[in-house]
Amino acid sequence: AVVSTQSTGGAGEEEVEELALQCGTEEYSVEGNTITFTIPEEEQKGFFEEVKALGLVICSQEARWEAREMIEVKDGDTWKRIALFMEMMETNLEGYERIYHNIENIDEILSGKYR
């Protein structure tokens, strides 16, 4: 999950870094008084408790999907089908933000360099 918080002045840089390490944060960034954490789903409950204890205010929370297993597509026919499917999605669907997949070499496929 990606969680954005705002500091009300109580939490310092060391406390934020300790929170990030303690709660299994995959990454975090600080922009002004907004601190954005990326945390594993199973760590959320403990994370929210710690955030509250530090006096941080949660501004937003967004779920993030991650594939458990990535695959590499090697077959040229499959490459073409995936590229065509992705093109159709972009052309025919309005308002979508992301298409989730588990294809390791998706950039190569979308570049049009079919094998």
Protein backbone atom coordinates (compact mmCIF):
# COMPACT_ATOMS: atom_id res chain seq x y z
CA ALA A 1 0.00 0.00 0.00
CA VAL A 2 1.09 3.55 -0.58
CA VAL A 3 0.22 5.83 2.34
CA SER A 4 0.73 9.60 2.42
CA THR A 5 0.94 11.34 5.77
CA GLN A 6 1.47 14.89 6.94
CA SER A 7 3.69 15.85 9.80
CA THR A 8 2.21 18.20 12.33
CA GLY A 9 5.70 19.10 13.46
CA GLY A 10 6.06 16.42 16.13
CA ALA A 11 7.96 13.77 14.18
CA GLY A 12 11.56 14.43 13.22
CA GLU A 13 13.62 12.86 10.48
CA GLU A 14 15.02 10.18 12.82
CA GLU A 15 11.55 9.16 14.01
CA VAL A 16 10.29 8.88 10.44
CA GLU A 17 13.29 6.77 9.43
CA GLU A 18 12.82 4.53 12.49
CA LEU A 19 9.12 4.11 11.63
CA ALA A 20 10.05 3.17 8.07
CA LEU A 21 12.51 0.51 9.26
CA GLN A 22 10.32 -0.79 12.08
CA CYS A 23 7.23 -1.32 9.90
CA GLY A 24 8.92 -3.01 6.96
CA THR A 25 8.57 0.01 4.72
CA GLU A 26 9.77 -0.79 1.21
CA GLU A 27 10.48 2.89 0.52
CA TYR A 28 9.53 6.33 1.72
CA SER A 29 9.96 9.90 0.55
CA VAL A 30 9.67 13.29 2.20
CA GLU A 31 8.39 16.35 0.35
CA GLY A 32 7.88 19.33 2.59
CA ASN A 33 5.68 18.12 5.44
CA THR A 34 4.25 15.23 3.38
CA ILE A 35 5.78 11.80 3.96
CA THR A 36 4.82 8.98 1.61
CA PHE A 37 5.43 5.37 2.67
CA THR A 38 5.19 2.18 0.60
CA ILE A 39 4.43 -0.67 2.98
CA PRO A 40 3.57 -4.37 2.64
CA GLU A 41 -0.10 -5.11 3.26
CA GLU A 42 0.63 -7.39 6.22
CA GLU A 43 2.41 -4.52 8.03
CA GLN A 44 -0.42 -1.99 7.70
CA LYS A 45 -2.03 -2.41 11.13
CA GLY A 46 1.21 -1.89 13.03
CA PHE A 47 2.17 0.94 10.73
CA PHE A 48 -1.07 2.85 11.35
CA GLU A 49 -0.65 2.46 15.11
CA GLU A 50 2.90 3.84 14.92
CA VAL A 51 1.84 6.70 12.65
CA LYS A 52 -0.80 7.70 15.20
CA ALA A 53 1.71 7.48 18.05
CA LEU A 54 4.10 9.81 16.17
CA GLY A 55 1.33 12.34 15.61
CA LEU A 56 1.34 12.02 11.83
CA VAL A 57 -1.94 12.55 9.99
CA ILE A 58 -2.88 10.09 7.22
CA CYS A 59 -3.88 12.01 4.09
CA SER A 60 -4.36 9.20 1.60
CA GLN A 61 -4.01 5.47 1.17
CA GLU A 62 -3.80 3.51 -2.07
CA ALA A 63 -3.65 -0.24 -2.59
CA ARG A 64 -0.87 -1.53 -4.79
CA TRP A 65 -0.93 -4.82 -6.63
CA GLU A 66 2.27 -6.79 -7.09
CA ALA A 67 2.63 -10.03 -8.99
CA ARG A 68 3.88 -12.91 -6.89
CA GLU A 69 5.72 -14.40 -9.84
CA MET A 70 7.01 -12.60 -12.90
CA ILE A 71 7.21 -14.36 -16.27
CA GLU A 72 9.23 -13.66 -19.39
CA VAL A 73 7.36 -14.00 -22.67
CA LYS A 74 9.60 -15.56 -25.31
CA ASP A 75 7.17 -16.66 -28.04
CA GLY A 76 6.84 -14.21 -30.95
CA ASP A 77 3.13 -14.96 -31.46
CA THR A 78 2.41 -14.26 -27.81
CA TRP A 79 4.41 -11.03 -28.05
CA LYS A 80 2.20 -9.84 -30.90
CA ARG A 81 -0.99 -10.77 -29.05
CA ILE A 82 0.08 -8.95 -25.89
CA ALA A 83 1.12 -5.85 -27.86
CA LEU A 84 -2.20 -5.85 -29.72
CA PHE A 85 -4.16 -6.32 -26.50
CA MET A 86 -2.34 -3.45 -24.77
CA GLU A 87 -2.89 -1.22 -27.81
CA MET A 88 -6.62 -2.03 -27.81
CA MET A 89 -6.82 -1.27 -24.09
CA GLU A 90 -5.21 2.14 -24.55
CA THR A 91 -7.37 2.94 -27.59
CA ASN A 92 -10.75 1.72 -26.37
CA LEU A 93 -10.77 2.26 -22.62
CA GLU A 94 -11.20 5.71 -21.20
CA GLY A 95 -10.41 6.63 -17.64
CA TYR A 96 -8.25 3.69 -16.63
CA GLU A 97 -5.12 4.45 -14.67
CA ARG A 98 -3.15 1.22 -14.75
CA ILE A 99 -3.07 -2.19 -16.30
CA TYR A 100 -1.49 -4.70 -13.95
CA HIS A 101 0.51 -7.61 -15.32
CA ASN A 102 3.26 -10.04 -14.41
CA ILE A 103 5.23 -9.81 -17.65
CA GLU A 104 8.88 -9.16 -16.91
CA ASN A 105 9.77 -7.98 -20.42
CA ILE A 106 6.68 -5.83 -21.10
CA ASP A 107 8.73 -2.78 -22.16
CA GLU A 108 10.50 -4.82 -24.79
CA ILE A 109 7.19 -6.20 -26.06
CA LEU A 110 5.56 -2.76 -26.24
CA SER A 111 8.54 -1.31 -28.09
CA GLY A 112 7.47 -3.40 -31.12
CA LYS A 113 10.68 -5.42 -31.36
CA TYR A 114 9.00 -8.76 -32.06
CA ARG A 115 11.21 -11.80 -32.11
